[in-house]
Amino acid sequence: MIKYVVLYRKPDDAEAFDEKYFTSHLPLVERTPGLLRAEVARVDRVFVPGFFGDTEPHLVAEMYFESRDAMRTAFASPEWHAAGANLTEIGGLELVAMFSAEVVEP
């Protein structure tokens, strides 16, 4: 299993961003073919001061796919592209760091 992780820094107007994120962006992401599940968490505290530099983290989104190939196929889908366009529209693309990670199961 592989997951795609998106770290969002805190926007200037977090309440307005959250409204757009949860009502327009997340529903688009959830329509992505091959997506097994999506989880979003609000960052409560950062325990290692300075780990993120001068950036205050706000949200962490994790999207799970069966395999790297399934993730690549999902990223080529119109649904994923619509979600990306929406993220740009709501001002989120400038807030993110993204990476994929293989889920390690003992």
Protein backbone atom coordinates (compact mmCIF):
# COMPACT_ATOMS: atom_id res chain seq x y z
CA MET A 1 0.00 0.00 0.00
CA ILE A 2 1.13 3.54 -0.68
CA LYS A 3 -0.13 6.85 0.55
CA TYR A 4 0.10 10.36 -0.74
CA VAL A 5 0.68 12.86 2.05
CA VAL A 6 -0.07 16.57 1.84
CA LEU A 7 1.10 18.95 4.55
CA TYR A 8 -0.68 22.32 4.58
CA ARG A 9 0.80 25.32 6.32
CA LYS A 10 -1.63 27.57 8.17
CA PRO A 11 -3.29 30.04 5.79
CA ASP A 12 -3.89 33.66 6.72
CA ASP A 13 -7.63 32.99 7.06
CA ALA A 14 -7.77 29.39 8.28
CA GLU A 15 -11.53 29.41 8.81
CA ALA A 16 -12.28 30.54 5.25
CA PHE A 17 -9.76 28.08 3.82
CA ASP A 18 -11.23 25.18 5.82
CA GLU A 19 -14.73 26.00 4.58
CA LYS A 20 -13.58 25.82 0.95
CA TYR A 21 -11.32 22.82 1.55
CA PHE A 22 -13.96 20.64 3.21
CA THR A 23 -16.93 21.67 1.05
CA SER A 24 -15.32 21.77 -2.40
CA HIS A 25 -11.84 20.23 -2.47
CA LEU A 26 -12.18 17.12 -0.34
CA PRO A 27 -15.36 15.89 -2.12
CA LEU A 28 -13.46 16.11 -5.44
CA VAL A 29 -10.51 14.15 -4.03
CA GLU A 30 -12.86 11.47 -2.71
CA ARG A 31 -14.12 10.83 -6.27
CA THR A 32 -10.63 9.83 -7.46
CA PRO A 33 -10.68 6.32 -8.95
CA GLY A 34 -8.53 3.86 -7.04
CA LEU A 35 -8.53 5.90 -3.84
CA LEU A 36 -9.02 3.48 -0.94
CA ARG A 37 -9.50 6.13 1.72
CA ALA A 38 -8.65 9.72 2.54
CA GLU A 39 -7.97 11.09 6.00
CA VAL A 40 -7.56 14.72 7.01
CA ALA A 41 -6.33 15.86 10.40
CA ARG A 42 -5.94 19.29 11.91
CA VAL A 43 -2.51 19.79 13.46
CA ASP A 44 -2.99 20.28 17.17
CA ARG A 45 0.56 20.89 18.36
CA VAL A 46 4.08 20.73 17.06
CA PHE A 47 6.33 19.06 19.60
CA VAL A 48 9.64 19.83 17.92
CA PRO A 49 9.95 23.64 17.71
CA GLY A 50 11.46 24.79 14.45
CA PHE A 51 10.96 21.45 12.69
CA PHE A 52 8.85 23.18 10.05
CA GLY A 53 10.97 26.33 10.08
CA ASP A 54 8.87 29.46 10.38
CA THR A 55 5.84 27.65 8.96
CA GLU A 56 2.95 26.73 11.21
CA PRO A 57 1.37 23.44 10.06
CA HIS A 58 -2.41 23.40 9.72
CA LEU A 59 -3.71 20.22 8.05
CA VAL A 60 -2.33 16.83 7.12
CA ALA A 61 -4.14 14.92 4.36
CA GLU A 62 -3.36 11.28 3.59
CA MET A 63 -4.74 9.45 0.59
CA TYR A 64 -4.26 5.70 0.39
CA PHE A 65 -3.87 3.61 -2.77
CA GLU A 66 -3.36 -0.11 -3.25
CA SER A 67 -0.05 0.33 -5.09
CA ARG A 68 2.25 2.86 -6.72
CA ASP A 69 0.73 1.94 -10.10
CA ALA A 70 -2.79 2.51 -8.77
CA MET A 71 -1.67 5.90 -7.46
CA ARG A 72 -0.14 6.84 -10.83
CA THR A 73 -3.34 5.81 -12.60
CA ALA A 74 -5.38 7.90 -10.14
CA PHE A 75 -3.12 10.91 -10.73
CA ALA A 76 -3.87 10.70 -14.48
CA SER A 77 -7.64 10.71 -13.92
CA PRO A 78 -9.92 13.67 -14.71
CA GLU A 79 -11.16 13.55 -11.12
CA TRP A 80 -7.65 14.08 -9.72
CA HIS A 81 -7.01 16.90 -12.18
CA ALA A 82 -10.29 18.55 -11.15
CA ALA A 83 -9.23 18.33 -7.51
CA GLY A 84 -5.87 19.90 -8.36
CA ALA A 85 -7.54 22.75 -10.25
CA ASN A 86 -9.85 23.30 -7.30
CA LEU A 87 -6.93 23.39 -4.87
CA THR A 88 -5.39 26.14 -7.00
CA GLU A 89 -8.70 28.04 -7.05
CA ILE A 90 -9.07 28.00 -3.27
CA GLY A 91 -5.47 29.13 -2.75
CA GLY A 92 -4.22 25.86 -1.33
CA LEU A 93 -1.51 24.98 -3.81
CA GLU A 94 0.79 27.64 -2.37
CA LEU A 95 0.31 26.17 1.11
CA VAL A 96 1.43 22.58 0.50
CA ALA A 97 4.29 20.16 0.59
CA MET A 98 3.44 16.77 -0.96
CA PHE A 99 5.10 13.37 -1.04
CA SER A 100 4.28 9.70 -1.35
CA ALA A 101 5.26 7.08 1.20
CA GLU A 102 5.11 3.32 1.16
CA VAL A 103 3.14 1.96 4.08
CA VAL A 104 5.32 -0.46 6.02
CA GLU A 105 3.46 -3.38 7.50
CA PRO A 106 5.42 -5.58 9.92
